């Protein structure tokens, strides 16, 4: 009978421990979801903005180089439209939470985008 009581106590303790871990895990799933959203908003969206800016800069360079190589006038309307897109993406990027190093780089770059 003693072995039965020890086994029953051990299994009961193991079940309570498992239920406790499960409850703790379920409670922290909400925090994980919030962290994932913050990571997406603070890291993924800025990367998308940087990607848009980079592609638009390349598009401007291609417009200018193509016009030069064909001895045609540069289409400044397209270039200015692309510059407006770059400024808009950069303004979105500036509004995000940045590290100190990133903030300094944004301040240096901001003078060239105005």
N, C-alpha and C. Protein backbone atom coordinates (compact mmCIF):
# COMPACT_ATOMS: atom_id res chain seq x y z
N UNK A 1 0.80 -1.19 0.00
CA UNK A 1 0.00 0.00 0.00
C UNK A 1 0.85 1.26 0.00
N UNK A 2 2.01 1.20 0.58
CA UNK A 2 2.88 2.37 0.62
C UNK A 2 3.36 2.74 -0.77
N UNK A 3 3.67 1.74 -1.59
CA UNK A 3 4.15 2.02 -2.95
C UNK A 3 3.03 2.68 -3.75
N UNK A 4 1.81 2.18 -3.57
CA UNK A 4 0.67 2.76 -4.27
C UNK A 4 0.51 4.24 -3.92
N UNK A 5 0.63 4.59 -2.66
CA UNK A 5 0.49 5.97 -2.22
C UNK A 5 1.62 6.84 -2.77
N UNK A 6 2.83 6.31 -2.80
CA UNK A 6 3.96 7.06 -3.34
C UNK A 6 3.79 7.30 -4.84
N UNK A 7 3.36 6.27 -5.55
CA UNK A 7 3.13 6.42 -6.99
C UNK A 7 1.99 7.41 -7.27
N UNK A 8 0.93 7.31 -6.50
CA UNK A 8 -0.20 8.21 -6.68
C UNK A 8 0.21 9.66 -6.39
N UNK A 9 0.97 9.85 -5.32
CA UNK A 9 1.47 11.19 -4.99
C UNK A 9 2.38 11.71 -6.10
N UNK A 10 3.27 10.87 -6.61
CA UNK A 10 4.20 11.27 -7.67
C UNK A 10 3.44 11.66 -8.94
N UNK A 11 2.48 10.83 -9.34
CA UNK A 11 1.72 11.14 -10.54
C UNK A 11 0.86 12.39 -10.36
N UNK A 12 0.30 12.57 -9.19
CA UNK A 12 -0.49 13.76 -8.91
C UNK A 12 0.38 15.01 -8.97
N UNK A 13 1.56 14.91 -8.37
CA UNK A 13 2.50 16.02 -8.40
C UNK A 13 2.93 16.33 -9.83
N UNK A 14 3.19 15.30 -10.62
CA UNK A 14 3.58 15.47 -12.01
C UNK A 14 2.46 16.11 -12.83
N UNK A 15 1.23 15.69 -12.58
CA UNK A 15 0.08 16.26 -13.29
C UNK A 15 -0.09 17.73 -12.92
N UNK A 16 0.01 18.05 -11.63
CA UNK A 16 -0.11 19.45 -11.20
C UNK A 16 1.00 20.31 -11.80
N UNK A 17 2.20 19.77 -11.83
CA UNK A 17 3.34 20.48 -12.41
C UNK A 17 3.10 20.74 -13.91
N UNK A 18 2.60 19.73 -14.62
CA UNK A 18 2.32 19.87 -16.06
C UNK A 18 1.22 20.89 -16.31
N UNK A 19 0.18 20.85 -15.48
CA UNK A 19 -0.91 21.83 -15.62
C UNK A 19 -0.39 23.23 -15.35
N UNK A 20 0.46 23.39 -14.35
CA UNK A 20 1.04 24.70 -14.04
C UNK A 20 1.88 25.23 -15.20
N UNK A 21 2.70 24.39 -15.78
CA UNK A 21 3.51 24.82 -16.92
C UNK A 21 2.62 25.17 -18.11
N UNK A 22 1.59 24.38 -18.35
CA UNK A 22 0.65 24.67 -19.44
C UNK A 22 -0.06 25.99 -19.24
N UNK A 23 -0.52 26.24 -18.03
CA UNK A 23 -1.20 27.50 -17.72
C UNK A 23 -0.26 28.68 -17.90
N UNK A 24 0.97 28.55 -17.42
CA UNK A 24 1.98 29.60 -17.57
C UNK A 24 2.25 29.88 -19.05
N UNK A 25 2.34 28.83 -19.84
CA UNK A 25 2.60 28.98 -21.28
C UNK A 25 1.45 29.69 -21.98
N UNK A 26 0.24 29.33 -21.64
CA UNK A 26 -0.93 29.96 -22.27
C UNK A 26 -1.00 31.44 -21.89
N UNK A 27 -0.69 31.76 -20.65
CA UNK A 27 -0.73 33.15 -20.22
C UNK A 27 0.32 34.00 -20.95
N UNK A 28 1.47 33.42 -21.24
CA UNK A 28 2.54 34.18 -21.89
C UNK A 28 2.42 34.21 -23.40
N UNK A 29 1.48 33.48 -23.96
CA UNK A 29 1.28 33.51 -25.40
C UNK A 29 0.83 34.90 -25.84
N UNK A 30 0.03 35.56 -25.04
CA UNK A 30 -0.41 36.93 -25.35
C UNK A 30 0.77 37.89 -25.42
N UNK A 31 1.71 37.75 -24.50
CA UNK A 31 2.90 38.59 -24.53
C UNK A 31 3.73 38.32 -25.77
N UNK A 32 3.80 37.07 -26.17
CA UNK A 32 4.55 36.70 -27.37
C UNK A 32 3.91 37.32 -28.60
N UNK A 33 2.59 37.32 -28.65
CA UNK A 33 1.87 37.92 -29.77
C UNK A 33 2.15 39.42 -29.84
N UNK A 34 2.12 40.10 -28.70
CA UNK A 34 2.41 41.53 -28.66
C UNK A 34 3.84 41.80 -29.10
N UNK A 35 4.77 40.98 -28.66
CA UNK A 35 6.17 41.15 -29.04
C UNK A 35 6.36 40.94 -30.54
N UNK A 36 5.66 39.97 -31.09
CA UNK A 36 5.75 39.72 -32.53
C UNK A 36 5.22 40.90 -33.32
N UNK A 37 4.12 41.48 -32.87
CA UNK A 37 3.57 42.65 -33.56
C UNK A 37 4.53 43.83 -33.47
N UNK A 38 5.12 44.04 -32.30
CA UNK A 38 6.07 45.14 -32.14
C UNK A 38 7.30 44.92 -33.02
N UNK A 39 7.77 43.69 -33.08
CA UNK A 39 8.92 43.38 -33.93
C UNK A 39 8.59 43.65 -35.39
N UNK A 40 7.41 43.25 -35.82
CA UNK A 40 7.01 43.48 -37.20
C UNK A 40 6.92 44.98 -37.49
N UNK A 41 6.28 45.72 -36.60
CA UNK A 41 6.10 47.15 -36.83
C UNK A 41 7.40 47.94 -36.74
N UNK A 42 8.31 47.52 -35.87
CA UNK A 42 9.54 48.27 -35.67
C UNK A 42 10.70 47.80 -36.53
N UNK A 43 10.62 46.61 -37.10
CA UNK A 43 11.73 46.10 -37.90
C UNK A 43 11.34 45.83 -39.35
N UNK A 44 10.24 45.15 -39.56
CA UNK A 44 9.87 44.76 -40.93
C UNK A 44 9.39 45.95 -41.75
N UNK A 45 8.54 46.78 -41.19
CA UNK A 45 8.05 47.93 -41.93
C UNK A 45 9.16 48.92 -42.29
N UNK A 46 10.11 49.20 -41.39
CA UNK A 46 11.22 50.07 -41.80
C UNK A 46 12.04 49.46 -42.94
N UNK A 47 12.22 48.15 -42.92
CA UNK A 47 12.95 47.52 -44.02
C UNK A 47 12.20 47.70 -45.33
N UNK A 48 10.89 47.63 -45.28
CA UNK A 48 10.09 47.84 -46.48
C UNK A 48 10.24 49.27 -46.98
N UNK A 49 10.22 50.23 -46.06
CA UNK A 49 10.41 51.63 -46.45
C UNK A 49 11.79 51.85 -47.06
N UNK A 50 12.81 51.24 -46.46
CA UNK A 50 14.16 51.37 -47.01
C UNK A 50 14.25 50.74 -48.39
N UNK A 51 13.57 49.63 -48.58
CA UNK A 51 13.56 48.96 -49.88
C UNK A 51 12.91 49.85 -50.94
N UNK A 52 11.80 50.49 -50.58
CA UNK A 52 11.12 51.40 -51.52
C UNK A 52 12.03 52.57 -51.86
N UNK A 53 12.68 53.15 -50.85
CA UNK A 53 13.58 54.27 -51.10
C UNK A 53 14.73 53.86 -52.02
N UNK A 54 15.33 52.72 -51.73
CA UNK A 54 16.46 52.26 -52.53
C UNK A 54 16.05 52.03 -53.99
N UNK A 55 14.93 51.37 -54.20
CA UNK A 55 14.46 51.12 -55.57
C UNK A 55 14.12 52.41 -56.29
N UNK A 56 13.57 53.37 -55.58
CA UNK A 56 13.23 54.65 -56.21
C UNK A 56 14.48 55.43 -56.57
N UNK A 57 15.49 55.36 -55.73
CA UNK A 57 16.77 56.01 -56.05
C UNK A 57 17.38 55.37 -57.29
N UNK A 58 17.34 54.04 -57.37
CA UNK A 58 17.85 53.36 -58.57
C UNK A 58 17.04 53.75 -59.80
N UNK A 59 15.74 53.89 -59.65
CA UNK A 59 14.89 54.29 -60.78
C UNK A 59 15.29 55.68 -61.27
N UNK A 60 15.55 56.60 -60.34
CA UNK A 60 16.01 57.93 -60.72
C UNK A 60 17.34 57.86 -61.45
N UNK A 61 18.26 57.07 -60.93
CA UNK A 61 19.56 56.95 -61.58
C UNK A 61 19.41 56.39 -62.99
N UNK A 62 18.53 55.42 -63.15
CA UNK A 62 18.32 54.84 -64.48
C UNK A 62 17.67 55.84 -65.43
N UNK A 63 16.72 56.63 -64.95
CA UNK A 63 16.11 57.66 -65.79
C UNK A 63 17.15 58.66 -66.28
N UNK A 64 17.99 59.10 -65.38
CA UNK A 64 19.00 60.10 -65.74
C UNK A 64 20.04 59.50 -66.68
N UNK A 65 20.54 58.31 -66.38
CA UNK A 65 21.57 57.69 -67.22
C UNK A 65 21.02 57.33 -68.60
N UNK A 66 19.78 56.87 -68.66
CA UNK A 66 19.18 56.54 -69.96
C UNK A 66 19.04 57.79 -70.82
N UNK A 67 18.59 58.87 -70.20
CA UNK A 67 18.45 60.12 -70.95
C UNK A 67 19.81 60.62 -71.43
N UNK A 68 20.83 60.52 -70.58
CA UNK A 68 22.17 60.97 -70.96
C UNK A 68 22.74 60.12 -72.09
N UNK A 69 22.57 58.81 -71.99
CA UNK A 69 23.15 57.93 -73.01
C UNK A 69 22.46 58.08 -74.37
N UNK A 70 21.21 58.50 -74.37
CA UNK A 70 20.48 58.70 -75.63
C UNK A 70 20.50 60.16 -76.08
N UNK A 71 21.24 60.98 -75.36
CA UNK A 71 21.31 62.42 -75.65
C UNK A 71 19.91 63.05 -75.72
N UNK A 72 19.08 62.66 -74.76
CA UNK A 72 17.73 63.20 -74.67
C UNK A 72 17.64 64.05 -73.41
N UNK A 73 16.66 64.94 -73.36
CA UNK A 73 16.49 65.73 -72.13
C UNK A 73 15.99 64.83 -70.99
N UNK A 74 16.43 65.17 -69.81
CA UNK A 74 16.03 64.39 -68.63
C UNK A 74 14.58 64.73 -68.29
N UNK A 75 13.79 63.71 -68.02
CA UNK A 75 12.39 63.88 -67.66
C UNK A 75 12.32 64.24 -66.17
N UNK A 76 12.40 65.55 -65.89
CA UNK A 76 12.45 65.99 -64.50
C UNK A 76 11.14 65.75 -63.76
N UNK A 77 10.05 65.64 -64.49
CA UNK A 77 8.77 65.37 -63.83
C UNK A 77 8.81 63.99 -63.16
N UNK A 78 9.35 62.99 -63.85
CA UNK A 78 9.46 61.65 -63.26
C UNK A 78 10.44 61.64 -62.11
N UNK A 79 11.55 62.35 -62.29
CA UNK A 79 12.56 62.40 -61.22
C UNK A 79 11.98 63.06 -59.98
N UNK A 80 11.27 64.17 -60.15
CA UNK A 80 10.68 64.85 -59.00
C UNK A 80 9.59 64.00 -58.34
N UNK A 81 8.84 63.26 -59.14
CA UNK A 81 7.82 62.37 -58.58
C UNK A 81 8.49 61.27 -57.74
N UNK A 82 9.60 60.74 -58.25
CA UNK A 82 10.34 59.72 -57.49
C UNK A 82 10.93 60.31 -56.22
N UNK A 83 11.43 61.54 -56.30
CA UNK A 83 11.97 62.19 -55.10
C UNK A 83 10.88 62.41 -54.05
N UNK A 84 9.67 62.72 -54.49
CA UNK A 84 8.55 62.87 -53.54
C UNK A 84 8.24 61.53 -52.87
N UNK A 85 8.33 60.43 -53.64
CA UNK A 85 8.11 59.11 -53.05
C UNK A 85 9.20 58.77 -52.03
N UNK A 86 10.43 59.14 -52.35
CA UNK A 86 11.55 58.90 -51.42
C UNK A 86 11.31 59.69 -50.13
N UNK A 87 10.94 60.96 -50.27
CA UNK A 87 10.70 61.78 -49.08
C UNK A 87 9.56 61.21 -48.23
N UNK A 88 8.50 60.75 -48.88
CA UNK A 88 7.37 60.18 -48.15
C UNK A 88 7.80 58.92 -47.39
N UNK A 89 8.55 58.04 -48.04
CA UNK A 89 9.03 56.82 -47.37
C UNK A 89 9.98 57.16 -46.23
N UNK A 90 10.83 58.17 -46.45
CA UNK A 90 11.79 58.57 -45.41
C UNK A 90 11.06 59.17 -44.21
N UNK A 91 10.01 59.94 -44.46
CA UNK A 91 9.23 60.51 -43.35
C UNK A 91 8.57 59.41 -42.53
N UNK A 92 8.07 58.36 -43.19
CA UNK A 92 7.51 57.22 -42.46
C UNK A 92 8.59 56.52 -41.64
N UNK A 93 9.76 56.40 -42.21
CA UNK A 93 10.87 55.75 -41.52
C UNK A 93 11.29 56.54 -40.29
N UNK A 94 11.29 57.87 -40.38
CA UNK A 94 11.72 58.70 -39.25
C UNK A 94 10.77 58.59 -38.07
N UNK A 95 9.51 58.29 -38.32
CA UNK A 95 8.52 58.24 -37.24
C UNK A 95 8.62 56.98 -36.38
N UNK A 96 9.42 56.02 -36.78
CA UNK A 96 9.52 54.77 -36.03
C UNK A 96 10.50 54.92 -34.87
N UNK A 97 10.43 53.98 -33.95
CA UNK A 97 11.36 54.01 -32.82
C UNK A 97 12.72 53.52 -33.31
N UNK A 98 13.69 54.39 -33.22
CA UNK A 98 15.03 54.10 -33.72
C UNK A 98 16.03 54.10 -32.57
N UNK A 99 17.13 53.41 -32.76
CA UNK A 99 18.20 53.46 -31.77
C UNK A 99 18.91 54.80 -31.89
N UNK A 100 19.79 55.09 -30.95
CA UNK A 100 20.53 56.36 -31.00
C UNK A 100 21.37 56.47 -32.27
N UNK A 101 22.02 55.38 -32.62
CA UNK A 101 22.86 55.38 -33.83
C UNK A 101 22.02 55.61 -35.08
N UNK A 102 20.86 54.95 -35.14
CA UNK A 102 19.97 55.12 -36.29
C UNK A 102 19.43 56.55 -36.35
N UNK A 103 19.11 57.12 -35.19
CA UNK A 103 18.60 58.49 -35.15
C UNK A 103 19.63 59.48 -35.69
N UNK A 104 20.90 59.28 -35.32
CA UNK A 104 21.96 60.16 -35.83
C UNK A 104 22.10 60.03 -37.34
N UNK A 105 22.03 58.81 -37.84
CA UNK A 105 22.11 58.61 -39.29
C UNK A 105 20.92 59.23 -40.01
N UNK A 106 19.75 59.14 -39.41
CA UNK A 106 18.56 59.74 -40.01
C UNK A 106 18.71 61.26 -40.06
N UNK A 107 19.24 61.85 -39.00
CA UNK A 107 19.44 63.30 -38.98
C UNK A 107 20.43 63.73 -40.06
N UNK A 108 21.50 62.96 -40.24
CA UNK A 108 22.48 63.29 -41.28
C UNK A 108 21.86 63.15 -42.67
N UNK A 109 21.07 62.12 -42.87
CA UNK A 109 20.47 61.87 -44.18
C UNK A 109 19.35 62.84 -44.47
N UNK A 110 18.68 63.31 -43.45
CA UNK A 110 17.52 64.19 -43.62
C UNK A 110 17.89 65.47 -44.38
N UNK A 111 19.07 65.98 -44.16
CA UNK A 111 19.47 67.22 -44.83
C UNK A 111 19.59 67.03 -46.35
N UNK A 112 19.83 65.81 -46.80
CA UNK A 112 19.97 65.57 -48.24
C UNK A 112 18.64 65.31 -48.92
N UNK A 113 17.64 64.94 -48.15
CA UNK A 113 16.35 64.58 -48.73
C UNK A 113 15.42 65.79 -48.84
N UNK A 114 15.67 66.83 -48.08
CA UNK A 114 14.78 68.01 -48.11
C UNK A 114 14.77 68.68 -49.45
